[in-house]
Amino acid sequence: MPTVSVRLPDEEKDELEAVADLLEEDWSTIIRKSLRDGLHDLRVRHAVERYQSGEVAVNEAARLANVTVAEWLEISREKNLTVQFRREDLEREVEAAHEL
């Protein structure tokens, strides 16, 4: 596993310490969890923006967010997004269903 160094403002270091104490975890574990969760949130936020603007449809938004289509539909519901299916997406889903 590679090692990464980062400079933190005092406030963020203090918050890191507070969360590590709260969760009774070491700093490295808290940083890894925070990074993983933060990266997921950034991917979802980017996908939501692209989806809302109409740039991408359901399948592409799910890919951008790195989630399944079912998970994306749940995210869409939670964020009150209008579900946007393109004709090609629906045709692809119908073909996939026929292959089952």
N, C-alpha and C. Protein backbone atom coordinates (compact mmCIF):
# COMPACT_ATOMS: atom_id res chain seq x y z
N MET A 1 0.84 -1.16 0.00
CA MET A 1 0.00 0.00 0.00
C MET A 1 0.90 1.23 0.00
N PRO A 2 0.68 2.17 -0.94
CA PRO A 2 1.54 3.36 -0.99
C PRO A 2 1.27 4.30 0.19
N THR A 3 2.25 5.09 0.49
CA THR A 3 2.14 6.11 1.54
C THR A 3 1.95 7.46 0.88
N VAL A 4 1.02 8.25 1.42
CA VAL A 4 0.74 9.58 0.89
C VAL A 4 0.86 10.58 2.03
N SER A 5 1.51 11.68 1.76
CA SER A 5 1.64 12.75 2.76
C SER A 5 0.69 13.88 2.39
N VAL A 6 0.17 14.54 3.41
CA VAL A 6 -0.72 15.67 3.16
C VAL A 6 -0.53 16.69 4.27
N ARG A 7 -0.63 17.96 3.92
CA ARG A 7 -0.56 19.03 4.91
C ARG A 7 -1.99 19.43 5.27
N LEU A 8 -2.26 19.51 6.56
CA LEU A 8 -3.59 19.87 7.03
C LEU A 8 -3.55 21.15 7.85
N PRO A 9 -4.54 21.99 7.67
CA PRO A 9 -4.67 23.14 8.58
C PRO A 9 -4.93 22.61 10.00
N ASP A 10 -4.60 23.41 11.00
CA ASP A 10 -4.77 23.00 12.39
C ASP A 10 -6.21 22.56 12.69
N GLU A 11 -7.19 23.26 12.12
CA GLU A 11 -8.59 22.92 12.39
C GLU A 11 -8.93 21.52 11.89
N GLU A 12 -8.43 21.17 10.72
CA GLU A 12 -8.70 19.84 10.17
C GLU A 12 -7.96 18.76 10.96
N LYS A 13 -6.75 19.06 11.41
CA LYS A 13 -6.01 18.12 12.24
C LYS A 13 -6.75 17.89 13.55
N ASP A 14 -7.26 18.97 14.13
CA ASP A 14 -8.02 18.85 15.38
C ASP A 14 -9.30 18.03 15.16
N GLU A 15 -9.95 18.25 14.03
CA GLU A 15 -11.17 17.47 13.73
C GLU A 15 -10.83 16.00 13.51
N LEU A 16 -9.72 15.74 12.84
CA LEU A 16 -9.26 14.36 12.65
C LEU A 16 -9.04 13.68 13.99
N GLU A 17 -8.36 14.36 14.89
CA GLU A 17 -8.13 13.82 16.23
C GLU A 17 -9.45 13.55 16.95
N ALA A 18 -10.38 14.50 16.85
CA ALA A 18 -11.66 14.37 17.55
C ALA A 18 -12.44 13.17 17.02
N VAL A 19 -12.47 13.00 15.70
CA VAL A 19 -13.20 11.87 15.11
C VAL A 19 -12.51 10.56 15.44
N ALA A 20 -11.20 10.54 15.40
CA ALA A 20 -10.45 9.33 15.75
C ALA A 20 -10.74 8.93 17.19
N ASP A 21 -10.77 9.90 18.08
CA ASP A 21 -11.10 9.61 19.48
C ASP A 21 -12.54 9.13 19.62
N LEU A 22 -13.45 9.81 18.94
CA LEU A 22 -14.86 9.45 19.00
C LEU A 22 -15.10 8.02 18.54
N LEU A 23 -14.48 7.64 17.44
CA LEU A 23 -14.68 6.31 16.87
C LEU A 23 -13.70 5.27 17.40
N GLU A 24 -12.80 5.73 18.25
CA GLU A 24 -11.77 4.87 18.82
C GLU A 24 -11.00 4.13 17.73
N GLU A 25 -10.55 4.91 16.75
CA GLU A 25 -9.78 4.40 15.62
C GLU A 25 -8.49 5.21 15.52
N ASP A 26 -7.52 4.66 14.81
CA ASP A 26 -6.28 5.41 14.60
C ASP A 26 -6.47 6.38 13.43
N TRP A 27 -5.57 7.34 13.36
CA TRP A 27 -5.67 8.37 12.32
C TRP A 27 -5.69 7.78 10.92
N SER A 28 -4.85 6.81 10.65
CA SER A 28 -4.77 6.22 9.31
C SER A 28 -6.11 5.63 8.88
N THR A 29 -6.75 4.93 9.79
CA THR A 29 -8.05 4.32 9.48
C THR A 29 -9.09 5.40 9.19
N ILE A 30 -9.12 6.43 10.02
CA ILE A 30 -10.08 7.52 9.83
C ILE A 30 -9.84 8.23 8.51
N ILE A 31 -8.57 8.47 8.19
CA ILE A 31 -8.25 9.13 6.92
C ILE A 31 -8.69 8.27 5.74
N ARG A 32 -8.41 6.96 5.79
CA ARG A 32 -8.80 6.08 4.68
C ARG A 32 -10.33 6.05 4.53
N LYS A 33 -11.05 5.93 5.65
CA LYS A 33 -12.52 5.92 5.59
C LYS A 33 -13.05 7.24 5.05
N SER A 34 -12.49 8.34 5.53
CA SER A 34 -12.93 9.66 5.08
C SER A 34 -12.67 9.86 3.59
N LEU A 35 -11.51 9.43 3.15
CA LEU A 35 -11.15 9.56 1.74
C LEU A 35 -12.08 8.73 0.87
N ARG A 36 -12.31 7.47 1.28
CA ARG A 36 -13.20 6.60 0.52
C ARG A 36 -14.60 7.22 0.43
N ASP A 37 -15.15 7.63 1.58
CA ASP A 37 -16.50 8.21 1.60
C ASP A 37 -16.54 9.52 0.83
N GLY A 38 -15.51 10.34 0.99
CA GLY A 38 -15.46 11.62 0.29
C GLY A 38 -15.37 11.46 -1.22
N LEU A 39 -14.57 10.51 -1.67
CA LEU A 39 -14.46 10.27 -3.10
C LEU A 39 -15.78 9.76 -3.67
N HIS A 40 -16.44 8.90 -2.92
CA HIS A 40 -17.76 8.42 -3.36
C HIS A 40 -18.73 9.59 -3.48
N ASP A 41 -18.76 10.46 -2.47
CA ASP A 41 -19.65 11.61 -2.49
C ASP A 41 -19.34 12.54 -3.67
N LEU A 42 -18.07 12.75 -3.96
CA LEU A 42 -17.69 13.60 -5.09
C LEU A 42 -18.15 12.99 -6.41
N ARG A 43 -18.00 11.67 -6.55
CA ARG A 43 -18.45 11.00 -7.78
C ARG A 43 -19.96 11.14 -7.94
N VAL A 44 -20.68 10.92 -6.85
CA VAL A 44 -22.15 11.03 -6.91
C VAL A 44 -22.56 12.45 -7.24
N ARG A 45 -21.94 13.42 -6.59
CA ARG A 45 -22.27 14.83 -6.85
C ARG A 45 -22.03 15.18 -8.31
N HIS A 46 -20.91 14.72 -8.87
CA HIS A 46 -20.61 14.98 -10.28
C HIS A 46 -21.66 14.32 -11.18
N ALA A 47 -22.01 13.09 -10.87
CA ALA A 47 -23.02 12.38 -11.67
C ALA A 47 -24.37 13.09 -11.59
N VAL A 48 -24.74 13.55 -10.40
CA VAL A 48 -26.01 14.27 -10.24
C VAL A 48 -26.02 15.53 -11.11
N GLU A 49 -24.93 16.29 -11.08
CA GLU A 49 -24.85 17.51 -11.88
C GLU A 49 -25.00 17.22 -13.37
N ARG A 50 -24.29 16.21 -13.83
CA ARG A 50 -24.36 15.86 -15.26
C ARG A 50 -25.73 15.32 -15.63
N TYR A 51 -26.33 14.56 -14.73
CA TYR A 51 -27.65 13.98 -14.96
C TYR A 51 -28.72 15.07 -14.98
N GLN A 52 -28.66 15.98 -14.02
CA GLN A 52 -29.65 17.06 -13.97
C GLN A 52 -29.58 17.97 -15.18
N SER A 53 -28.37 18.17 -15.70
CA SER A 53 -28.21 19.04 -16.87
C SER A 53 -28.65 18.35 -18.15
N GLY A 54 -28.92 17.04 -18.07
CA GLY A 54 -29.33 16.29 -19.26
C GLY A 54 -28.16 15.80 -20.09
N GLU A 55 -26.94 16.00 -19.61
CA GLU A 55 -25.76 15.55 -20.36
C GLU A 55 -25.66 14.04 -20.42
N VAL A 56 -26.12 13.36 -19.36
CA VAL A 56 -26.02 11.91 -19.30
C VAL A 56 -27.36 11.32 -18.88
N ALA A 57 -27.57 10.08 -19.28
CA ALA A 57 -28.78 9.35 -18.89
C ALA A 57 -28.45 8.43 -17.72
N VAL A 58 -29.39 7.60 -17.36
CA VAL A 58 -29.29 6.75 -16.18
C VAL A 58 -28.03 5.89 -16.19
N ASN A 59 -27.79 5.17 -17.25
CA ASN A 59 -26.64 4.25 -17.29
C ASN A 59 -25.32 4.99 -17.12
N GLU A 60 -25.16 6.10 -17.80
CA GLU A 60 -23.91 6.85 -17.71
C GLU A 60 -23.77 7.49 -16.33
N ALA A 61 -24.86 8.00 -15.77
CA ALA A 61 -24.80 8.58 -14.43
C ALA A 61 -24.38 7.52 -13.42
N ALA A 62 -24.92 6.33 -13.54
CA ALA A 62 -24.54 5.24 -12.64
C ALA A 62 -23.06 4.91 -12.79
N ARG A 63 -22.57 4.91 -14.02
CA ARG A 63 -21.15 4.63 -14.26
C ARG A 63 -20.28 5.72 -13.64
N LEU A 64 -20.67 6.98 -13.83
CA LEU A 64 -19.90 8.09 -13.27
C LEU A 64 -19.86 8.03 -11.74
N ALA A 65 -20.97 7.63 -11.15
CA ALA A 65 -21.06 7.53 -9.69
C ALA A 65 -20.43 6.25 -9.16
N ASN A 66 -20.10 5.34 -10.09
CA ASN A 66 -19.51 4.05 -9.73
C ASN A 66 -20.48 3.22 -8.88
N VAL A 67 -21.75 3.21 -9.31
CA VAL A 67 -22.79 2.43 -8.64
C VAL A 67 -23.58 1.67 -9.70
N THR A 68 -24.39 0.72 -9.27
CA THR A 68 -25.26 0.01 -10.20
C THR A 68 -26.40 0.93 -10.61
N VAL A 69 -27.10 0.55 -11.67
CA VAL A 69 -28.26 1.33 -12.11
C VAL A 69 -29.31 1.35 -11.00
N ALA A 70 -29.51 0.22 -10.33
CA ALA A 70 -30.48 0.18 -9.23
C ALA A 70 -30.07 1.15 -8.11
N GLU A 71 -28.78 1.18 -7.79
CA GLU A 71 -28.30 2.11 -6.77
C GLU A 71 -28.48 3.56 -7.22
N TRP A 72 -28.23 3.80 -8.52
CA TRP A 72 -28.42 5.15 -9.05
C TRP A 72 -29.88 5.58 -8.96
N LEU A 73 -30.78 4.68 -9.26
CA LEU A 73 -32.20 5.01 -9.17
C LEU A 73 -32.59 5.34 -7.73
N GLU A 74 -31.99 4.65 -6.77
CA GLU A 74 -32.23 4.96 -5.36
C GLU A 74 -31.67 6.34 -5.01
N ILE A 75 -30.47 6.63 -5.50
CA ILE A 75 -29.89 7.97 -5.28
C ILE A 75 -30.79 9.03 -5.90
N SER A 76 -31.26 8.77 -7.11
CA SER A 76 -32.15 9.70 -7.79
C SER A 76 -33.41 9.96 -6.98
N ARG A 77 -33.96 8.88 -6.42
CA ARG A 77 -35.18 9.02 -5.60
C ARG A 77 -34.88 9.85 -4.36
N GLU A 78 -33.78 9.55 -3.68
CA GLU A 78 -33.41 10.28 -2.46
C GLU A 78 -33.19 11.75 -2.73
N LYS A 79 -32.68 12.09 -3.92
CA LYS A 79 -32.37 13.48 -4.26
C LYS A 79 -33.50 14.12 -5.05
N ASN A 80 -34.62 13.40 -5.19
CA ASN A 80 -35.79 13.91 -5.92
C ASN A 80 -35.46 14.33 -7.35
N LEU A 81 -34.63 13.53 -8.01
CA LEU A 81 -34.28 13.80 -9.40
C LEU A 81 -35.34 13.17 -10.31
N THR A 82 -35.58 13.80 -11.42
CA THR A 82 -36.48 13.22 -12.41
C THR A 82 -35.71 12.15 -13.17
N VAL A 83 -36.26 10.94 -13.22
CA VAL A 83 -35.59 9.84 -13.91
C VAL A 83 -35.63 10.11 -15.41
N GLN A 84 -34.46 10.04 -16.02
CA GLN A 84 -34.34 10.30 -17.45
C GLN A 84 -33.82 9.05 -18.15
N PHE A 85 -34.70 8.40 -18.87
CA PHE A 85 -34.29 7.25 -19.69
C PHE A 85 -34.29 7.69 -21.14
N ARG A 86 -33.24 7.38 -21.83
CA ARG A 86 -33.20 7.61 -23.27
C ARG A 86 -33.72 6.37 -23.97
N ARG A 87 -34.19 6.54 -25.16
CA ARG A 87 -34.73 5.42 -25.93
C ARG A 87 -33.71 4.29 -26.04
N GLU A 88 -32.46 4.64 -26.30
CA GLU A 88 -31.41 3.62 -26.44
C GLU A 88 -31.23 2.83 -25.14
N ASP A 89 -31.33 3.53 -24.01
CA ASP A 89 -31.20 2.86 -22.73
C ASP A 89 -32.31 1.85 -22.52
N LEU A 90 -33.53 2.26 -22.83
CA LEU A 90 -34.67 1.35 -22.67
C LEU A 90 -34.56 0.15 -23.61
N GLU A 91 -34.14 0.40 -24.85
CA GLU A 91 -33.99 -0.70 -25.81
C GLU A 91 -32.92 -1.67 -25.33
N ARG A 92 -31.83 -1.16 -24.79
CA ARG A 92 -30.75 -2.01 -24.28
C ARG A 92 -31.26 -2.85 -23.11
N GLU A 93 -32.05 -2.25 -22.23
CA GLU A 93 -32.58 -2.97 -21.08
C GLU A 93 -33.56 -4.07 -21.53
N VAL A 94 -34.37 -3.78 -22.54
CA VAL A 94 -35.31 -4.78 -23.06
C VAL A 94 -34.54 -5.94 -23.68
N GLU A 95 -33.50 -5.63 -24.44
CA GLU A 95 -32.68 -6.69 -25.03
C GLU A 95 -32.02 -7.56 -23.95
N ALA A 96 -31.51 -6.92 -22.93
CA ALA A 96 -30.90 -7.66 -21.83
C ALA A 96 -31.91 -8.54 -21.12
N ALA A 97 -33.13 -8.06 -20.96
CA ALA A 97 -34.17 -8.85 -20.31
C ALA A 97 -34.54 -10.06 -21.16
N HIS A 98 -34.57 -9.88 -22.48
CA HIS A 98 -34.89 -11.01 -23.38
C HIS A 98 -33.81 -12.09 -23.31
N GLU A 99 -32.57 -11.69 -23.08
CA GLU A 99 -31.47 -12.65 -23.02
C GLU A 99 -31.51 -13.49 -21.75
N LEU A 100 -32.24 -13.04 -20.75
CA LEU A 100 -32.36 -13.80 -19.52
C LEU A 100 -33.27 -14.97 -19.80
